[in-house]
Amino acid sequence: MARPKKKIDMQEVEKLASEGCTVAEIAANFEVHQSTLYRRKNFKEVYERGLEKCKLSVRRALYKKGVVNGDTKALIFLAKNLLEMSDNPQQQDTAQEQVIRVVLED
């Protein structure tokens, strides 16, 4: 006889993922193995949706801290990551230009 199926609330999974919990932490919360979660229908989709909400929350908080509140460190981080700016700009190529001669024959 098989064990009774554990109830896993997908809304709770999404909430935990939106708070930054890992799959291992969510599994521990439901007292199941990670593989049990992966076997559940829609788990991956629900988990990824929660994770995207987490990323959005972090991005909003960082934006607010940097842009709205003027935190210099947050602004530098945003500039480097969103605008691809760098403390060490690439040195321009100082190699000599090559001349290509094209001869057209009739």
PDB file of N, CA and C in Angstrom:
ATOM      1  N   MET A   1       0.843  -1.171   0.000  1.00  0.00           N
ATOM      2  CA  MET A   1       0.000   0.000   0.000  1.00  0.00           C
ATOM      3  C   MET A   1       0.897   1.246   0.000  1.00  0.00           C
ATOM      4  N   ALA A   2       0.582   2.224  -0.821  1.00  0.00           N
ATOM      5  CA  ALA A   2       1.376   3.449  -0.943  1.00  0.00           C
ATOM      6  C   ALA A   2       1.064   4.413   0.199  1.00  0.00           C
ATOM      7  N   ARG A   3       2.034   5.261   0.452  1.00  0.00           N
ATOM      8  CA  ARG A   3       1.814   6.284   1.478  1.00  0.00           C
ATOM      9  C   ARG A   3       0.780   7.283   0.987  1.00  0.00           C
ATOM     10  N   PRO A   4       0.072   7.944   1.909  1.00  0.00           N
ATOM     11  CA  PRO A   4      -0.882   8.969   1.486  1.00  0.00           C
ATOM     12  C   PRO A   4      -0.140  10.157   0.859  1.00  0.00           C
ATOM     13  N   LYS A   5      -0.746  10.743  -0.116  1.00  0.00           N
ATOM     14  CA  LYS A   5      -0.137  11.859  -0.829  1.00  0.00           C
ATOM     15  C   LYS A   5      -0.141  13.098   0.061  1.00  0.00           C
ATOM     16  N   LYS A   6       1.042  13.747   0.177  1.00  0.00           N
ATOM     17  CA  LYS A   6       1.159  14.975   0.968  1.00  0.00           C
ATOM     18  C   LYS A   6       0.470  16.115   0.237  1.00  0.00           C
ATOM     19  N   LYS A   7      -0.231  16.952   0.975  1.00  0.00           N
ATOM     20  CA  LYS A   7      -0.865  18.123   0.375  1.00  0.00           C
ATOM     21  C   LYS A   7       0.175  19.229   0.270  1.00  0.00           C
ATOM     22  N   ILE A   8       0.352  19.740  -0.941  1.00  0.00           N
ATOM     23  CA  ILE A   8       1.282  20.842  -1.174  1.00  0.00           C
ATOM     24  C   ILE A   8       0.494  21.971  -1.812  1.00  0.00           C
ATOM     25  N   ASP A   9       0.368  23.055  -1.072  1.00  0.00           N
ATOM     26  CA  ASP A   9      -0.389  24.218  -1.520  1.00  0.00           C
ATOM     27  C   ASP A   9       0.473  25.035  -2.481  1.00  0.00           C
ATOM     28  N   MET A  10       0.080  25.080  -3.742  1.00  0.00           N
ATOM     29  CA  MET A  10       0.870  25.792  -4.752  1.00  0.00           C
ATOM     30  C   MET A  10       0.880  27.300  -4.518  1.00  0.00           C
ATOM     31  N   GLN A  11      -0.135  27.828  -3.884  1.00  0.00           N
ATOM     32  CA  GLN A  11      -0.116  29.258  -3.536  1.00  0.00           C
ATOM     33  C   GLN A  11       0.976  29.528  -2.501  1.00  0.00           C
ATOM     34  N   GLU A  12       1.140  28.602  -1.569  1.00  0.00           N
ATOM     35  CA  GLU A  12       2.191  28.731  -0.562  1.00  0.00           C
ATOM     36  C   GLU A  12       3.568  28.579  -1.214  1.00  0.00           C
ATOM     37  N   VAL A  13       3.670  27.676  -2.195  1.00  0.00           N
ATOM     38  CA  VAL A  13       4.934  27.507  -2.928  1.00  0.00           C
ATOM     39  C   VAL A  13       5.308  28.823  -3.602  1.00  0.00           C
ATOM     40  N   GLU A  14       4.359  29.436  -4.280  1.00  0.00           N
ATOM     41  CA  GLU A  14       4.629  30.708  -4.968  1.00  0.00           C
ATOM     42  C   GLU A  14       5.006  31.804  -3.977  1.00  0.00           C
ATOM     43  N   LYS A  15       4.319  31.851  -2.843  1.00  0.00           N
ATOM     44  CA  LYS A  15       4.622  32.859  -1.813  1.00  0.00           C
ATOM     45  C   LYS A  15       6.048  32.676  -1.288  1.00  0.00           C
ATOM     46  N   LEU A  16       6.410  31.443  -0.976  1.00  0.00           N
ATOM     47  CA  LEU A  16       7.754  31.175  -0.459  1.00  0.00           C
ATOM     48  C   LEU A  16       8.821  31.511  -1.501  1.00  0.00           C
ATOM     49  N   ALA A  17       8.567  31.148  -2.755  1.00  0.00           N
ATOM     50  CA  ALA A  17       9.515  31.471  -3.826  1.00  0.00           C
ATOM     51  C   ALA A  17       9.633  32.981  -4.002  1.00  0.00           C
ATOM     52  N   SER A  18       8.532  33.703  -3.859  1.00  0.00           N
ATOM     53  CA  SER A  18       8.562  35.163  -4.002  1.00  0.00           C
ATOM     54  C   SER A  18       9.333  35.826  -2.865  1.00  0.00           C
ATOM     55  N   GLU A  19       9.535  35.085  -1.771  1.00  0.00           N
ATOM     56  CA  GLU A  19      10.331  35.582  -0.645  1.00  0.00           C
ATOM     57  C   GLU A  19      11.782  35.139  -0.756  1.00  0.00           C
ATOM     58  N   GLY A  20      12.119  34.457  -1.860  1.00  0.00           N
ATOM     59  CA  GLY A  20      13.495  34.068  -2.112  1.00  0.00           C
ATOM     60  C   GLY A  20      13.885  32.691  -1.609  1.00  0.00           C
ATOM     61  N   CYS A  21      12.917  31.886  -1.209  1.00  0.00           N
ATOM     62  CA  CYS A  21      13.228  30.541  -0.714  1.00  0.00           C
ATOM     63  C   CYS A  21      13.693  29.638  -1.848  1.00  0.00           C
ATOM     64  N   THR A  22      14.635  28.766  -1.550  1.00  0.00           N
ATOM     65  CA  THR A  22      15.109  27.781  -2.516  1.00  0.00           C
ATOM     66  C   THR A  22      14.150  26.601  -2.534  1.00  0.00           C
ATOM     67  N   VAL A  23      14.312  25.727  -3.523  1.00  0.00           N
ATOM     68  CA  VAL A  23      13.481  24.526  -3.604  1.00  0.00           C
ATOM     69  C   VAL A  23      13.706  23.667  -2.361  1.00  0.00           C
ATOM     70  N   ALA A  24      14.950  23.580  -1.908  1.00  0.00           N
ATOM     71  CA  ALA A  24      15.253  22.799  -0.702  1.00  0.00           C
ATOM     72  C   ALA A  24      14.510  23.358   0.516  1.00  0.00           C
ATOM     73  N   GLU A  25      14.474  24.678   0.630  1.00  0.00           N
ATOM     74  CA  GLU A  25      13.779  25.296   1.768  1.00  0.00           C
ATOM     75  C   GLU A  25      12.269  25.079   1.684  1.00  0.00           C
ATOM     76  N   ILE A  26      11.730  25.147   0.483  1.00  0.00           N
ATOM     77  CA  ILE A  26      10.290  24.913   0.304  1.00  0.00           C
ATOM     78  C   ILE A  26       9.964  23.459   0.634  1.00  0.00           C
ATOM     79  N   ALA A  27      10.810  22.555   0.176  1.00  0.00           N
ATOM     80  CA  ALA A  27      10.603  21.136   0.480  1.00  0.00           C
ATOM     81  C   ALA A  27      10.626  20.912   1.992  1.00  0.00           C
ATOM     82  N   ALA A  28      11.571  21.531   2.677  1.00  0.00           N
ATOM     83  CA  ALA A  28      11.647  21.401   4.138  1.00  0.00           C
ATOM     84  C   ALA A  28      10.390  21.950   4.802  1.00  0.00           C
ATOM     85  N   ASN A  29       9.866  23.041   4.265  1.00  0.00           N
ATOM     86  CA  ASN A  29       8.647  23.632   4.811  1.00  0.00           C
ATOM     87  C   ASN A  29       7.475  22.647   4.744  1.00  0.00           C
ATOM     88  N   PHE A  30       7.382  21.903   3.651  1.00  0.00           N
ATOM     89  CA  PHE A  30       6.290  20.932   3.486  1.00  0.00           C
ATOM     90  C   PHE A  30       6.651  19.540   4.007  1.00  0.00           C
ATOM     91  N   GLU A  31       7.895  19.399   4.522  1.00  0.00           N
ATOM     92  CA  GLU A  31       8.389  18.135   5.052  1.00  0.00           C
ATOM     93  C   GLU A  31       8.348  17.025   4.002  1.00  0.00           C
ATOM     94  N   VAL A  32       8.848  17.369   2.800  1.00  0.00           N
ATOM     95  CA  VAL A  32       8.960  16.411   1.700  1.00  0.00           C
ATOM     96  C   VAL A  32      10.343  16.550   1.080  1.00  0.00           C
ATOM     97  N   HIS A  33      10.696  15.592   0.229  1.00  0.00           N
ATOM     98  CA  HIS A  33      11.948  15.668  -0.510  1.00  0.00           C
ATOM     99  C   HIS A  33      11.743  16.582  -1.715  1.00  0.00           C
ATOM    100  N   GLN A  34      12.821  17.198  -2.167  1.00  0.00           N
ATOM    101  CA  GLN A  34      12.741  18.085  -3.334  1.00  0.00           C
ATOM    102  C   GLN A  34      12.138  17.379  -4.548  1.00  0.00           C
ATOM    103  N   SER A  35      12.498  16.128  -4.732  1.00  0.00           N
ATOM    104  CA  SER A  35      11.993  15.385  -5.890  1.00  0.00           C
ATOM    105  C   SER A  35      10.467  15.272  -5.864  1.00  0.00           C
ATOM    106  N   THR A  36       9.894  15.256  -4.670  1.00  0.00           N
ATOM    107  CA  THR A  36       8.434  15.217  -4.542  1.00  0.00           C
ATOM    108  C   THR A  36       7.829  16.476  -5.133  1.00  0.00           C
ATOM    109  N   LEU A  37       8.462  17.606  -4.866  1.00  0.00           N
ATOM    110  CA  LEU A  37       7.966  18.865  -5.418  1.00  0.00           C
ATOM    111  C   LEU A  37       8.048  18.866  -6.939  1.00  0.00           C
ATOM    112  N   TYR A  38       9.181  18.429  -7.464  1.00  0.00           N
ATOM    113  CA  TYR A  38       9.368  18.440  -8.919  1.00  0.00           C
ATOM    114  C   TYR A  38       8.372  17.518  -9.634  1.00  0.00           C
ATOM    115  N   ARG A  39       7.890  16.506  -8.952  1.00  0.00           N
ATOM    116  CA  ARG A  39       6.915  15.597  -9.575  1.00  0.00           C
ATOM    117  C   ARG A  39       5.509  16.190  -9.605  1.00  0.00           C
ATOM    118  N   ARG A  40       5.284  17.203  -8.800  1.00  0.00           N
ATOM    119  CA  ARG A  40       3.941  17.796  -8.751  1.00  0.00           C
ATOM    120  C   ARG A  40       3.668  18.626 -10.000  1.00  0.00           C
ATOM    121  N   LYS A  41       2.447  18.508 -10.459  1.00  0.00           N
ATOM    122  CA  LYS A  41       2.018  19.239 -11.648  1.00  0.00           C
ATOM    123  C   LYS A  41       2.151  20.745 -11.406  1.00  0.00           C
ATOM    124  N   ASN A  42       2.725  21.435 -12.332  1.00  0.00           N
ATOM    125  CA  ASN A  42       2.871  22.898 -12.323  1.00  0.00           C
ATOM    126  C   ASN A  42       3.863  23.427 -11.301  1.00  0.00           C
ATOM    127  N   PHE A  43       4.585  22.555 -10.577  1.00  0.00           N
ATOM    128  CA  PHE A  43       5.497  23.074  -9.554  1.00  0.00           C
ATOM    129  C   PHE A  43       6.523  24.027 -10.156  1.00  0.00           C
ATOM    130  N   LYS A  44       7.176  23.584 -11.220  1.00  0.00           N
ATOM    131  CA  LYS A  44       8.241  24.388 -11.812  1.00  0.00           C
ATOM    132  C   LYS A  44       7.704  25.755 -12.255  1.00  0.00           C
ATOM    133  N   GLU A  45       6.559  25.763 -12.900  1.00  0.00           N
ATOM    134  CA  GLU A  45       5.940  27.010 -13.365  1.00  0.00           C
ATOM    135  C   GLU A  45       5.607  27.930 -12.190  1.00  0.00           C
ATOM    136  N   VAL A  46       5.013  27.373 -11.152  1.00  0.00           N
ATOM    137  CA  VAL A  46       4.628  28.158  -9.966  1.00  0.00           C
ATOM    138  C   VAL A  46       5.871  28.689  -9.264  1.00  0.00           C
ATOM    139  N   TYR A  47       6.885  27.836  -9.111  1.00  0.00           N
ATOM    140  CA  TYR A  47       8.125  28.251  -8.450  1.00  0.00           C
ATOM    141  C   TYR A  47       8.798  29.391  -9.230  1.00  0.00           C
ATOM    142  N   GLU A  48       8.898  29.246 -10.541  1.00  0.00           N
ATOM    143  CA  GLU A  48       9.545  30.278 -11.361  1.00  0.00           C
ATOM    144  C   GLU A  48       8.769  31.592 -11.325  1.00  0.00           C
ATOM    145  N   ARG A  49       7.439  31.519 -11.292  1.00  0.00           N
ATOM    146  CA  ARG A  49       6.618  32.731 -11.192  1.00  0.00           C
ATOM    147  C   ARG A  49       6.906  33.439  -9.867  1.00  0.00           C
ATOM    148  N   GLY A  50       7.001  32.679  -8.794  1.00  0.00           N
ATOM    149  CA  GLY A  50       7.330  33.265  -7.490  1.00  0.00           C
ATOM    150  C   GLY A  50       8.719  33.865  -7.479  1.00  0.00           C
ATOM    151  N   LEU A  51       9.668  33.175  -8.106  1.00  0.00           N
ATOM    152  CA  LEU A  51      11.043  33.670  -8.176  1.00  0.00           C
ATOM    153  C   LEU A  51      11.116  34.987  -8.952  1.00  0.00           C
ATOM    154  N   GLU A  52      10.348  35.104 -10.030  1.00  0.00           N
ATOM    155  CA  GLU A  52      10.314  36.353 -10.802  1.00  0.00           C
ATOM    156  C   GLU A  52       9.734  37.488  -9.961  1.00  0.00           C
ATOM    157  N   LYS A  53       8.752  37.180  -9.131  1.00  0.00           N
ATOM    158  CA  LYS A  53       8.201  38.203  -8.224  1.00  0.00           C
ATOM    159  C   LYS A  53       9.263  38.658  -7.230  1.00  0.00           C
ATOM    160  N   CYS A  54      10.066  37.721  -6.756  1.00  0.00           N
ATOM    161  CA  CYS A  54      11.159  38.045  -5.838  1.00  0.00           C
ATOM    162  C   CYS A  54      12.146  38.990  -6.515  1.00  0.00           C
ATOM    163  N   LYS A  55      12.546  38.660  -7.738  1.00  0.00           N
ATOM    164  CA  LYS A  55      13.490  39.503  -8.484  1.00  0.00           C
ATOM    165  C   LYS A  55      12.919  40.902  -8.691  1.00  0.00           C
ATOM    166  N   LEU A  56      11.627  40.977  -8.994  1.00  0.00           N
ATOM    167  CA  LEU A  56      10.986  42.276  -9.190  1.00  0.00           C
ATOM    168  C   LEU A  56      11.009  43.102  -7.906  1.00  0.00           C
ATOM    169  N   SER A  57      10.764  42.461  -6.781  1.00  0.00           N
ATOM    170  CA  SER A  57      10.796  43.161  -5.492  1.00  0.00           C
ATOM    171  C   SER A  57      12.186  43.720  -5.191  1.00  0.00           C
ATOM    172  N   VAL A  58      13.205  42.901  -5.464  1.00  0.00           N
ATOM    173  CA  VAL A  58      14.582  43.337  -5.227  1.00  0.00           C
ATOM    174  C   VAL A  58      14.926  44.504  -6.153  1.00  0.00           C
ATOM    175  N   ARG A  59      14.537  44.371  -7.426  1.00  0.00           N
ATOM    176  CA  ARG A  59      14.818  45.438  -8.393  1.00  0.00           C
ATOM    177  C   ARG A  59      14.138  46.753  -7.983  1.00  0.00           C
ATOM    178  N   ARG A  60      12.886  46.652  -7.549  1.00  0.00           N
ATOM    179  CA  ARG A  60      12.164  47.857  -7.114  1.00  0.00           C
ATOM    180  C   ARG A  60      12.833  48.509  -5.907  1.00  0.00           C
ATOM    181  N   ALA A  61      13.221  47.681  -4.946  1.00  0.00           N
ATOM    182  CA  ALA A  61      13.866  48.204  -3.743  1.00  0.00           C
ATOM    183  C   ALA A  61      15.200  48.861  -4.080  1.00  0.00           C
ATOM    184  N   LEU A  62      15.972  48.230  -4.944  1.00  0.00           N
ATOM    185  CA  LEU A  62      17.259  48.784  -5.351  1.00  0.00           C
ATOM    186  C   LEU A  62      17.066  50.088  -6.119  1.00  0.00           C
ATOM    187  N   TYR A  63      16.100  50.105  -7.024  1.00  0.00           N
ATOM    188  CA  TYR A  63      15.804  51.312  -7.794  1.00  0.00           C
ATOM    189  C   TYR A  63      15.404  52.448  -6.853  1.00  0.00           C
ATOM    190  N   LYS A  64      14.515  52.144  -5.915  1.00  0.00           N
ATOM    191  CA  LYS A  64      14.058  53.167  -4.965  1.00  0.00           C
ATOM    192  C   LYS A  64      15.230  53.700  -4.155  1.00  0.00           C
ATOM    193  N   LYS A  65      16.070  52.795  -3.672  1.00  0.00           N
ATOM    194  CA  LYS A  65      17.209  53.209  -2.855  1.00  0.00           C
ATOM    195  C   LYS A  65      18.169  54.080  -3.664  1.00  0.00           C
ATOM    196  N   GLY A  66      18.424  53.691  -4.907  1.00  0.00           N
ATOM    197  CA  GLY A  66      19.386  54.428  -5.725  1.00  0.00           C
ATOM    198  C   GLY A  66      18.826  55.677  -6.351  1.00  0.00           C
ATOM    199  N   VAL A  67      17.731  55.538  -7.065  1.00  0.00           N
ATOM    200  CA  VAL A  67      17.204  56.656  -7.842  1.00  0.00           C
ATOM    201  C   VAL A  67      16.371  57.612  -6.989  1.00  0.00           C
ATOM    202  N   VAL A  68      15.457  57.079  -6.222  1.00  0.00           N
ATOM    203  CA  VAL A  68      14.565  57.938  -5.437  1.00  0.00           C
ATOM    204  C   VAL A  68      15.289  58.523  -4.227  1.00  0.00           C
ATOM    205  N   ASN A  69      16.031  57.677  -3.502  1.00  0.00           N
ATOM    206  CA  ASN A  69      16.690  58.139  -2.279  1.00  0.00           C
ATOM    207  C   ASN A  69      18.111  58.632  -2.511  1.00  0.00           C
ATOM    208  N   GLY A  70      18.641  58.432  -3.700  1.00  0.00           N
ATOM    209  CA  GLY A  70      19.959  58.955  -4.039  1.00  0.00           C
ATOM    210  C   GLY A  70      21.132  58.241  -3.389  1.00  0.00           C
ATOM    211  N   ASP A  71      20.995  56.954  -3.075  1.00  0.00           N
ATOM    212  CA  ASP A  71      22.094  56.193  -2.497  1.00  0.00           C
ATOM    213  C   ASP A  71      23.154  55.955  -3.574  1.00  0.00           C
ATOM    214  N   THR A  72      24.341  56.505  -3.376  1.00  0.00           N
ATOM    215  CA  THR A  72      25.403  56.445  -4.376  1.00  0.00           C
ATOM    216  C   THR A  72      25.821  55.018  -4.696  1.00  0.00           C
ATOM    217  N   LYS A  73      25.966  54.176  -3.692  1.00  0.00           N
ATOM    218  CA  LYS A  73      26.382  52.789  -3.942  1.00  0.00           C
ATOM    219  C   LYS A  73      25.353  52.047  -4.785  1.00  0.00           C
ATOM    220  N   ALA A  74      24.084  52.270  -4.495  1.00  0.00           N
ATOM    221  CA  ALA A  74      23.025  51.624  -5.275  1.00  0.00           C
ATOM    222  C   ALA A  74      23.031  52.147  -6.711  1.00  0.00           C
ATOM    223  N   LEU A  75      23.269  53.434  -6.888  1.00  0.00           N
ATOM    224  CA  LEU A  75      23.337  54.007  -8.240  1.00  0.00           C
ATOM    225  C   LEU A  75      24.499  53.426  -9.029  1.00  0.00           C
ATOM    226  N   ILE A  76      25.640  53.269  -8.386  1.00  0.00           N
ATOM    227  CA  ILE A  76      26.806  52.682  -9.065  1.00  0.00           C
ATOM    228  C   ILE A  76      26.492  51.254  -9.478  1.00  0.00           C
ATOM    229  N   PHE A  77      25.884  50.490  -8.589  1.00  0.00           N
ATOM    230  CA  PHE A  77      25.520  49.114  -8.913  1.00  0.00           C
ATOM    231  C   PHE A  77      24.572  49.071 -10.108  1.00  0.00           C
ATOM    232  N   LEU A  78      23.547  49.927 -10.094  1.00  0.00           N
ATOM    233  CA  LEU A  78      22.596  49.972 -11.203  1.00  0.00           C
ATOM    234  C   LEU A  78      23.280  50.360 -12.505  1.00  0.00           C
ATOM    235  N   ALA A  79      24.170  51.347 -12.451  1.00  0.00           N
ATOM    236  CA  ALA A  79      24.873  51.785 -13.650  1.00  0.00           C
ATOM    237  C   ALA A  79      25.713  50.653 -14.236  1.00  0.00           C
ATOM    238  N   LYS A  80      26.390  49.918 -13.382  1.00  0.00           N
ATOM    239  CA  LYS A  80      27.241  48.824 -13.863  1.00  0.00           C
ATOM    240  C   LYS A  80      26.412  47.680 -14.427  1.00  0.00           C
ATOM    241  N   ASN A  81      25.283  47.374 -13.786  1.00  0.00           N
ATOM    242  CA  ASN A  81      24.516  46.205 -14.186  1.00  0.00           C
ATOM    243  C   ASN A  81      23.441  46.478 -15.227  1.00  0.00           C
ATOM    244  N   LEU A  82      22.787  47.611 -15.138  1.00  0.00           N
ATOM    245  CA  LEU A  82      21.739  47.910 -16.109  1.00  0.00           C
ATOM    246  C   LEU A  82      22.278  48.647 -17.332  1.00  0.00           C
ATOM    247  N   LEU A  83      23.239  49.529 -17.104  1.00  0.00           N
ATOM    248  CA  LEU A  83      23.762  50.353 -18.194  1.00  0.00           C
ATOM    249  C   LEU A  83      25.085  49.836 -18.744  1.00  0.00           C
ATOM    250  N   GLU A  84      25.572  48.742 -18.164  1.00  0.00           N
ATOM    251  CA  GLU A  84      26.830  48.117 -18.583  1.00  0.00           C
ATOM    252  C   GLU A  84      28.007  49.091 -18.531  1.00  0.00           C
ATOM    253  N   MET A  85      27.989  49.986 -17.550  1.00  0.00           N
ATOM    254  CA  MET A  85      29.109  50.895 -17.343  1.00  0.00           C
ATOM    255  C   MET A  85      30.184  50.170 -16.544  1.00  0.00           C
ATOM    256  N   SER A  86      31.401  50.735 -16.536  1.00  0.00           N
ATOM    257  CA  SER A  86      32.505  50.072 -15.863  1.00  0.00           C
ATOM    258  C   SER A  86      33.440  51.096 -15.245  1.00  0.00           C
ATOM    259  N   ASP A  87      34.129  50.679 -14.175  1.00  0.00           N
ATOM    260  CA  ASP A  87      35.173  51.518 -13.589  1.00  0.00           C
ATOM    261  C   ASP A  87      36.412  51.519 -14.468  1.00  0.00           C
ATOM    262  N   ASN A  88      36.569  50.484 -15.236  1.00  0.00           N
ATOM    263  CA  ASN A  88      37.735  50.312 -16.101  1.00  0.00           C
ATOM    264  C   ASN A  88      37.291  50.215 -17.557  1.00  0.00           C
ATOM    265  N   PRO A  89      37.069  51.354 -18.199  1.00  0.00           N
ATOM    266  CA  PRO A  89      36.622  51.295 -19.588  1.00  0.00           C
ATOM    267  C   PRO A  89      37.658  50.617 -20.474  1.00  0.00           C
ATOM    268  N   GLN A  90      37.197  49.947 -21.489  1.00  0.00           N
ATOM    269  CA  GLN A  90      38.081  49.267 -22.425  1.00  0.00           C
ATOM    270  C   GLN A  90      38.989  50.281 -23.099  1.00  0.00           C
ATOM    271  N   GLN A  91      40.248  49.922 -23.223  1.00  0.00           N
ATOM    272  CA  GLN A  91      41.192  50.777 -23.942  1.00  0.00           C
ATOM    273  C   GLN A  91      40.855  50.703 -25.422  1.00  0.00           C
ATOM    274  N   GLN A  92      40.862  51.853 -26.071  1.00  0.00           N
ATOM    275  CA  GLN A  92      40.584  51.853 -27.496  1.00  0.00           C
ATOM    276  C   GLN A  92      41.745  51.222 -28.241  1.00  0.00           C
ATOM    277  N   ASP A  93      41.423  50.527 -29.304  1.00  0.00           N
ATOM    278  CA  ASP A  93      42.431  49.854 -30.110  1.00  0.00           C
ATOM    279  C   ASP A  93      43.294  50.911 -30.798  1.00  0.00           C
ATOM    280  N   THR A  94      44.589  50.878 -30.516  1.00  0.00           N
ATOM    281  CA  THR A  94      45.501  51.872 -31.088  1.00  0.00           C
ATOM    282  C   THR A  94      46.280  51.309 -32.273  1.00  0.00           C
ATOM    283  N   ALA A  95      45.839  50.167 -32.758  1.00  0.00           N
ATOM    284  CA  ALA A  95      46.538  49.573 -33.907  1.00  0.00           C
ATOM    285  C   ALA A  95      46.408  50.501 -35.116  1.00  0.00           C
ATOM    286  N   GLN A  96      47.405  50.462 -35.954  1.00  0.00           N
ATOM    287  CA  GLN A  96      47.392  51.305 -37.146  1.00  0.00           C
ATOM    288  C   GLN A  96      46.312  50.834 -38.104  1.00  0.00           C
ATOM    289  N   GLU A  97      45.742  51.798 -38.774  1.00  0.00           N
ATOM    290  CA  GLU A  97      44.737  51.459 -39.769  1.00  0.00           C
ATOM    291  C   GLU A  97      45.406  50.822 -40.969  1.00  0.00           C
ATOM    292  N   GLN A  98      44.738  49.854 -41.546  1.00  0.00           N
ATOM    293  CA  GLN A  98      45.253  49.223 -42.749  1.00  0.00           C
ATOM    294  C   GLN A  98      44.533  49.805 -43.952  1.00  0.00           C
ATOM    295  N   VAL A  99      45.291  50.022 -45.006  1.00  0.00           N
ATOM    296  CA  VAL A  99      44.720  50.546 -46.229  1.00  0.00           C
ATOM    297  C   VAL A  99      44.497  49.380 -47.172  1.00  0.00           C
ATOM    298  N   ILE A 100      43.297  49.301 -47.681  1.00  0.00           N
ATOM    299  CA  ILE A 100      42.983  48.254 -48.645  1.00  0.00           C
ATOM    300  C   ILE A 100      42.836  48.917 -50.004  1.00  0.00           C
ATOM    301  N   ARG A 101      43.606  48.426 -50.963  1.00  0.00           N
ATOM    302  CA  ARG A 101      43.566  48.991 -52.298  1.00  0.00           C
ATOM    303  C   ARG A 101      42.740  48.066 -53.183  1.00  0.00           C
ATOM    304  N   VAL A 102      41.767  48.653 -53.862  1.00  0.00           N
ATOM    305  CA  VAL A 102      40.901  47.877 -54.754  1.00  0.00           C
ATOM    306  C   VAL A 102      41.213  48.303 -56.166  1.00  0.00           C
ATOM    307  N   VAL A 103      41.522  47.338 -57.018  1.00  0.00           N
ATOM    308  CA  VAL A 103      41.818  47.625 -58.420  1.00  0.00           C
ATOM    309  C   VAL A 103      40.704  47.010 -59.244  1.00  0.00           C
ATOM    310  N   LEU A 104      40.056  47.849 -60.025  1.00  0.00           N
ATOM    311  CA  LEU A 104      38.978  47.377 -60.898  1.00  0.00           C
ATOM    312  C   LEU A 104      39.527  47.257 -62.315  1.00  0.00           C
ATOM    313  N   GLU A 105      39.372  46.123 -62.875  1.00  0.00           N
ATOM    314  CA  GLU A 105      39.842  45.912 -64.261  1.00  0.00           C
ATOM    315  C   GLU A 105      38.651  45.920 -65.187  1.00  0.00           C
ATOM    316  N   ASP A 106      38.877  46.489 -66.400  1.00  0.00           N
ATOM    317  CA  ASP A 106      37.816  46.499 -67.417  1.00  0.00           C
ATOM    318  C   ASP A 106      37.669  45.181 -68.073  1.00  0.00           C
TER     319      ASP A 106
END
